[in-house]
């Protein structure tokens, strides 16, 4: 428990025995990154997308601002309310809070436990990044988060039965 070198060695042995690649968790991110860049380019620069609407969003190439107040003292900045990033934050935080912390992090290494707790709040950072991005891109990630949440809940319910 206190020998970190031996713990790391045993963990590597366990991964080799079960054929687990330590970088395997990065693969979905590497697959999604070109999709993210392509969607951003499409919604930001494609003239055909200008004016395309969906629900309350009047233009998918702009942030989905439903309320805005210009701040004259900040030279052009606008205090705005953009619901899609807020919905994204709410859905992903709810999913993170309803997902149990893995057993390896719950009773083992305090560093893993801290990492698991900090990863639960990562959606807030992504929501802030998404806040002024094109609404179509944020809509994609919000719908993806909702579908992923439903899928995880369905799979867990199915495995419990």
C-alpha atoms as a PDB file:
ATOM      1  CA  UNK A   1       0.000   0.000   0.000  1.00  0.00           C
ATOM      2  CA  UNK A   2       2.813   2.440   0.763  1.00  0.00           C
ATOM      3  CA  UNK A   3       5.311   1.256  -1.899  1.00  0.00           C
ATOM      4  CA  UNK A   4       4.327   3.261  -4.996  1.00  0.00           C
ATOM      5  CA  UNK A   5       6.997   1.703  -7.232  1.00  0.00           C
ATOM      6  CA  UNK A   6       5.762  -1.812  -6.482  1.00  0.00           C
ATOM      7  CA  UNK A   7       2.155  -0.676  -6.955  1.00  0.00           C
ATOM      8  CA  UNK A   8       2.998   0.748 -10.405  1.00  0.00           C
ATOM      9  CA  UNK A   9       4.888  -2.446 -11.329  1.00  0.00           C
ATOM     10  CA  UNK A  10       1.973  -4.686 -10.275  1.00  0.00           C
ATOM     11  CA  UNK A  11      -0.452  -2.452 -12.139  1.00  0.00           C
ATOM     12  CA  UNK A  12       1.608  -2.738 -15.336  1.00  0.00           C
ATOM     13  CA  UNK A  13       1.734  -6.524 -14.902  1.00  0.00           C
ATOM     14  CA  UNK A  14      -2.045  -6.599 -14.498  1.00  0.00           C
ATOM     15  CA  UNK A  15      -2.499  -4.497 -17.633  1.00  0.00           C
ATOM     16  CA  UNK A  16      -0.169  -6.746 -19.642  1.00  0.00           C
ATOM     17  CA  UNK A  17      -1.891  -9.874 -18.360  1.00  0.00           C
ATOM     18  CA  UNK A  18      -5.326  -8.573 -19.420  1.00  0.00           C
ATOM     19  CA  UNK A  19      -4.144  -6.882 -22.643  1.00  0.00           C
ATOM     20  CA  UNK A  20      -5.000  -3.333 -21.548  1.00  0.00           C
ATOM     21  CA  UNK A  21      -3.277  -0.388 -23.187  1.00  0.00           C
ATOM     22  CA  UNK A  22      -2.740   2.481 -20.719  1.00  0.00           C
ATOM     23  CA  UNK A  23      -3.289   5.026 -23.512  1.00  0.00           C
ATOM     24  CA  UNK A  24      -6.508   3.349 -24.675  1.00  0.00           C
ATOM     25  CA  UNK A  25      -8.605   5.941 -22.883  1.00  0.00           C
ATOM     26  CA  UNK A  26      -7.182   8.661 -25.144  1.00  0.00           C
ATOM     27  CA  UNK A  27      -8.332   6.975 -28.355  1.00  0.00           C
ATOM     28  CA  UNK A  28     -11.929   8.298 -28.278  1.00  0.00           C
ATOM     29  CA  UNK A  29     -10.585  11.807 -27.749  1.00  0.00           C
ATOM     30  CA  UNK A  30      -8.233  11.471 -30.713  1.00  0.00           C
ATOM     31  CA  UNK A  31     -11.130  10.267 -32.871  1.00  0.00           C
ATOM     32  CA  UNK A  32     -13.401  13.125 -31.758  1.00  0.00           C
ATOM     33  CA  UNK A  33     -10.846  15.910 -32.222  1.00  0.00           C
ATOM     34  CA  UNK A  34     -10.983  16.008 -36.067  1.00  0.00           C
ATOM     35  CA  UNK A  35     -14.791  15.893 -35.851  1.00  0.00           C
ATOM     36  CA  UNK A  36     -14.756  18.824 -33.436  1.00  0.00           C
ATOM     37  CA  UNK A  37     -12.439  20.846 -35.699  1.00  0.00           C
ATOM     38  CA  UNK A  38     -14.521  20.051 -38.810  1.00  0.00           C
ATOM     39  CA  UNK A  39     -17.774  20.997 -37.073  1.00  0.00           C
ATOM     40  CA  UNK A  40     -16.253  24.208 -35.763  1.00  0.00           C
ATOM     41  CA  UNK A  41     -15.027  25.133 -39.247  1.00  0.00           C
ATOM     42  CA  UNK A  42     -18.416  24.253 -40.754  1.00  0.00           C
ATOM     43  CA  UNK A  43     -20.448  26.304 -38.321  1.00  0.00           C
ATOM     44  CA  UNK A  44     -17.999  29.199 -38.197  1.00  0.00           C
ATOM     45  CA  UNK A  45     -17.198  29.728 -41.867  1.00  0.00           C
ATOM     46  CA  UNK A  46     -19.818  27.981 -44.040  1.00  0.00           C
ATOM     47  CA  UNK A  47     -22.095  30.551 -45.685  1.00  0.00           C
ATOM     48  CA  UNK A  48     -24.789  27.911 -46.292  1.00  0.00           C
ATOM     49  CA  UNK A  49     -25.244  27.459 -42.531  1.00  0.00           C
ATOM     50  CA  UNK A  50     -25.924  31.174 -41.918  1.00  0.00           C
ATOM     51  CA  UNK A  51     -29.500  31.654 -40.796  1.00  0.00           C
ATOM     52  CA  UNK A  52     -30.195  27.938 -40.247  1.00  0.00           C
ATOM     53  CA  UNK A  53     -32.379  27.670 -37.152  1.00  0.00           C
ATOM     54  CA  UNK A  54     -33.267  24.996 -34.623  1.00  0.00           C
ATOM     55  CA  UNK A  55     -35.769  25.359 -31.757  1.00  0.00           C
ATOM     56  CA  UNK A  56     -35.000  28.741 -30.112  1.00  0.00           C
ATOM     57  CA  UNK A  57     -31.666  29.160 -31.919  1.00  0.00           C
ATOM     58  CA  UNK A  58     -32.158  31.544 -34.843  1.00  0.00           C
ATOM     59  CA  UNK A  59     -28.675  31.036 -36.356  1.00  0.00           C
ATOM     60  CA  UNK A  60     -26.575  27.906 -35.741  1.00  0.00           C
ATOM     61  CA  UNK A  61     -23.378  29.736 -36.727  1.00  0.00           C
ATOM     62  CA  UNK A  62     -23.690  32.161 -33.786  1.00  0.00           C
ATOM     63  CA  UNK A  63     -23.921  31.589 -30.016  1.00  0.00           C
ATOM     64  CA  UNK A  64     -27.502  30.778 -28.940  1.00  0.00           C
ATOM     65  CA  UNK A  65     -27.978  34.036 -27.061  1.00  0.00           C
ATOM     66  CA  UNK A  66     -31.534  34.472 -25.727  1.00  0.00           C
ATOM     67  CA  UNK A  67     -30.736  37.611 -23.739  1.00  0.00           C
ATOM     68  CA  UNK A  68     -27.929  40.108 -23.977  1.00  0.00           C
ATOM     69  CA  UNK A  69     -26.920  43.393 -22.447  1.00  0.00           C
ATOM     70  CA  UNK A  70     -24.017  45.407 -23.879  1.00  0.00           C
ATOM     71  CA  UNK A  71     -21.450  46.543 -21.340  1.00  0.00           C
ATOM     72  CA  UNK A  72     -20.344  49.971 -22.560  1.00  0.00           C
ATOM     73  CA  UNK A  73     -17.498  50.255 -20.057  1.00  0.00           C
ATOM     74  CA  UNK A  74     -15.896  47.077 -21.488  1.00  0.00           C
ATOM     75  CA  UNK A  75     -15.918  48.388 -25.098  1.00  0.00           C
ATOM     76  CA  UNK A  76     -18.203  46.013 -26.953  1.00  0.00           C
ATOM     77  CA  UNK A  77     -18.478  43.116 -24.517  1.00  0.00           C
ATOM     78  CA  UNK A  78     -21.952  41.703 -24.036  1.00  0.00           C
ATOM     79  CA  UNK A  79     -23.318  40.062 -20.909  1.00  0.00           C
ATOM     80  CA  UNK A  80     -25.461  37.286 -22.365  1.00  0.00           C
ATOM     81  CA  UNK A  81     -27.498  34.217 -21.469  1.00  0.00           C
ATOM     82  CA  UNK A  82     -26.695  31.228 -23.686  1.00  0.00           C
ATOM     83  CA  UNK A  83     -28.810  28.192 -22.659  1.00  0.00           C
ATOM     84  CA  UNK A  84     -27.108  25.398 -24.665  1.00  0.00           C
ATOM     85  CA  UNK A  85     -23.757  25.545 -22.815  1.00  0.00           C
ATOM     86  CA  UNK A  86     -25.666  25.696 -19.511  1.00  0.00           C
ATOM     87  CA  UNK A  87     -27.716  22.620 -20.508  1.00  0.00           C
ATOM     88  CA  UNK A  88     -24.459  20.867 -21.499  1.00  0.00           C
ATOM     89  CA  UNK A  89     -22.916  21.672 -18.098  1.00  0.00           C
ATOM     90  CA  UNK A  90     -26.029  20.484 -16.230  1.00  0.00           C
ATOM     91  CA  UNK A  91     -26.322  17.192 -18.140  1.00  0.00           C
ATOM     92  CA  UNK A  92     -22.643  16.274 -17.883  1.00  0.00           C
ATOM     93  CA  UNK A  93     -22.382  17.209 -14.183  1.00  0.00           C
ATOM     94  CA  UNK A  94     -25.525  15.190 -13.454  1.00  0.00           C
ATOM     95  CA  UNK A  95     -24.066  12.235 -15.339  1.00  0.00           C
ATOM     96  CA  UNK A  96     -20.787  12.563 -13.422  1.00  0.00           C
ATOM     97  CA  UNK A  97     -22.528  12.758 -10.052  1.00  0.00           C
ATOM     98  CA  UNK A  98     -24.707   9.727 -10.740  1.00  0.00           C
ATOM     99  CA  UNK A  99     -21.724   7.676 -11.927  1.00  0.00           C
ATOM    100  CA  UNK A 100     -19.985   5.933  -9.041  1.00  0.00           C
ATOM    101  CA  UNK A 101     -16.271   6.552  -8.519  1.00  0.00           C
ATOM    102  CA  UNK A 102     -14.301   3.524  -9.768  1.00  0.00           C
ATOM    103  CA  UNK A 103     -13.279   0.997  -7.121  1.00  0.00           C
ATOM    104  CA  UNK A 104      -9.586   1.636  -7.803  1.00  0.00           C
ATOM    105  CA  UNK A 105     -10.051   5.293  -6.872  1.00  0.00           C
ATOM    106  CA  UNK A 106     -12.500   4.813  -4.002  1.00  0.00           C
ATOM    107  CA  UNK A 107     -10.382   2.913  -1.525  1.00  0.00           C
ATOM    108  CA  UNK A 108      -6.887   3.062  -2.922  1.00  0.00           C
ATOM    109  CA  UNK A 109      -4.508   5.766  -3.950  1.00  0.00           C
ATOM    110  CA  UNK A 110      -5.461   9.254  -2.711  1.00  0.00           C
ATOM    111  CA  UNK A 111      -4.083  10.772  -5.934  1.00  0.00           C
ATOM    112  CA  UNK A 112      -6.477   8.644  -8.022  1.00  0.00           C
ATOM    113  CA  UNK A 113      -9.318   9.599  -5.720  1.00  0.00           C
ATOM    114  CA  UNK A 114      -8.509  13.300  -6.128  1.00  0.00           C
ATOM    115  CA  UNK A 115      -8.230  12.905  -9.911  1.00  0.00           C
ATOM    116  CA  UNK A 116     -11.643  11.192 -10.063  1.00  0.00           C
ATOM    117  CA  UNK A 117     -13.214  14.018  -8.064  1.00  0.00           C
ATOM    118  CA  UNK A 118     -11.642  16.734 -10.210  1.00  0.00           C
ATOM    119  CA  UNK A 119     -12.726  15.001 -13.430  1.00  0.00           C
ATOM    120  CA  UNK A 120     -16.341  15.278 -12.280  1.00  0.00           C
ATOM    121  CA  UNK A 121     -16.107  19.081 -12.593  1.00  0.00           C
ATOM    122  CA  UNK A 122     -14.370  19.147 -15.983  1.00  0.00           C
ATOM    123  CA  UNK A 123     -17.725  19.827 -17.751  1.00  0.00           C
ATOM    124  CA  UNK A 124     -17.793  23.289 -16.179  1.00  0.00           C
ATOM    125  CA  UNK A 125     -14.531  24.103 -17.960  1.00  0.00           C
ATOM    126  CA  UNK A 126     -15.882  22.747 -21.255  1.00  0.00           C
ATOM    127  CA  UNK A 127     -19.111  24.719 -20.762  1.00  0.00           C
ATOM    128  CA  UNK A 128     -17.112  27.908 -20.321  1.00  0.00           C
ATOM    129  CA  UNK A 129     -15.129  27.117 -23.466  1.00  0.00           C
ATOM    130  CA  UNK A 130     -18.373  26.414 -25.369  1.00  0.00           C
ATOM    131  CA  UNK A 131     -20.150  29.534 -24.060  1.00  0.00           C
ATOM    132  CA  UNK A 132     -19.483  31.739 -27.099  1.00  0.00           C
ATOM    133  CA  UNK A 133     -18.943  29.031 -29.706  1.00  0.00           C
ATOM    134  CA  UNK A 134     -21.400  28.496 -32.587  1.00  0.00           C
ATOM    135  CA  UNK A 135     -24.694  27.076 -31.345  1.00  0.00           C
ATOM    136  CA  UNK A 136     -24.582  24.175 -33.833  1.00  0.00           C
ATOM    137  CA  UNK A 137     -21.330  22.896 -32.329  1.00  0.00           C
ATOM    138  CA  UNK A 138     -22.612  23.221 -28.766  1.00  0.00           C
ATOM    139  CA  UNK A 139     -25.862  21.543 -29.849  1.00  0.00           C
ATOM    140  CA  UNK A 140     -23.838  18.590 -31.172  1.00  0.00           C
ATOM    141  CA  UNK A 141     -21.986  18.145 -27.864  1.00  0.00           C
ATOM    142  CA  UNK A 142     -25.154  18.680 -25.796  1.00  0.00           C
ATOM    143  CA  UNK A 143     -27.127  16.071 -27.747  1.00  0.00           C
ATOM    144  CA  UNK A 144     -24.113  13.742 -27.558  1.00  0.00           C
ATOM    145  CA  UNK A 145     -24.010  14.178 -23.749  1.00  0.00           C
ATOM    146  CA  UNK A 146     -27.758  13.512 -23.417  1.00  0.00           C
ATOM    147  CA  UNK A 147     -27.590  10.383 -25.601  1.00  0.00           C
ATOM    148  CA  UNK A 148     -24.491   9.143 -23.734  1.00  0.00           C
ATOM    149  CA  UNK A 149     -26.267   9.645 -20.407  1.00  0.00           C
ATOM    150  CA  UNK A 150     -29.312   7.700 -21.589  1.00  0.00           C
ATOM    151  CA  UNK A 151     -27.074   4.959 -22.990  1.00  0.00           C
ATOM    152  CA  UNK A 152     -25.096   4.591 -19.750  1.00  0.00           C
ATOM    153  CA  UNK A 153     -28.284   4.487 -17.658  1.00  0.00           C
ATOM    154  CA  UNK A 154     -29.820   1.895 -20.005  1.00  0.00           C
ATOM    155  CA  UNK A 155     -26.702  -0.314 -19.948  1.00  0.00           C
ATOM    156  CA  UNK A 156     -26.437  -0.144 -16.144  1.00  0.00           C
ATOM    157  CA  UNK A 157     -30.104  -1.003 -15.722  1.00  0.00           C
ATOM    158  CA  UNK A 158     -29.704  -3.881 -18.171  1.00  0.00           C
ATOM    159  CA  UNK A 159     -26.600  -5.225 -16.382  1.00  0.00           C
ATOM    160  CA  UNK A 160     -28.293  -4.963 -12.997  1.00  0.00           C
ATOM    161  CA  UNK A 161     -31.216  -7.116 -14.209  1.00  0.00           C
END
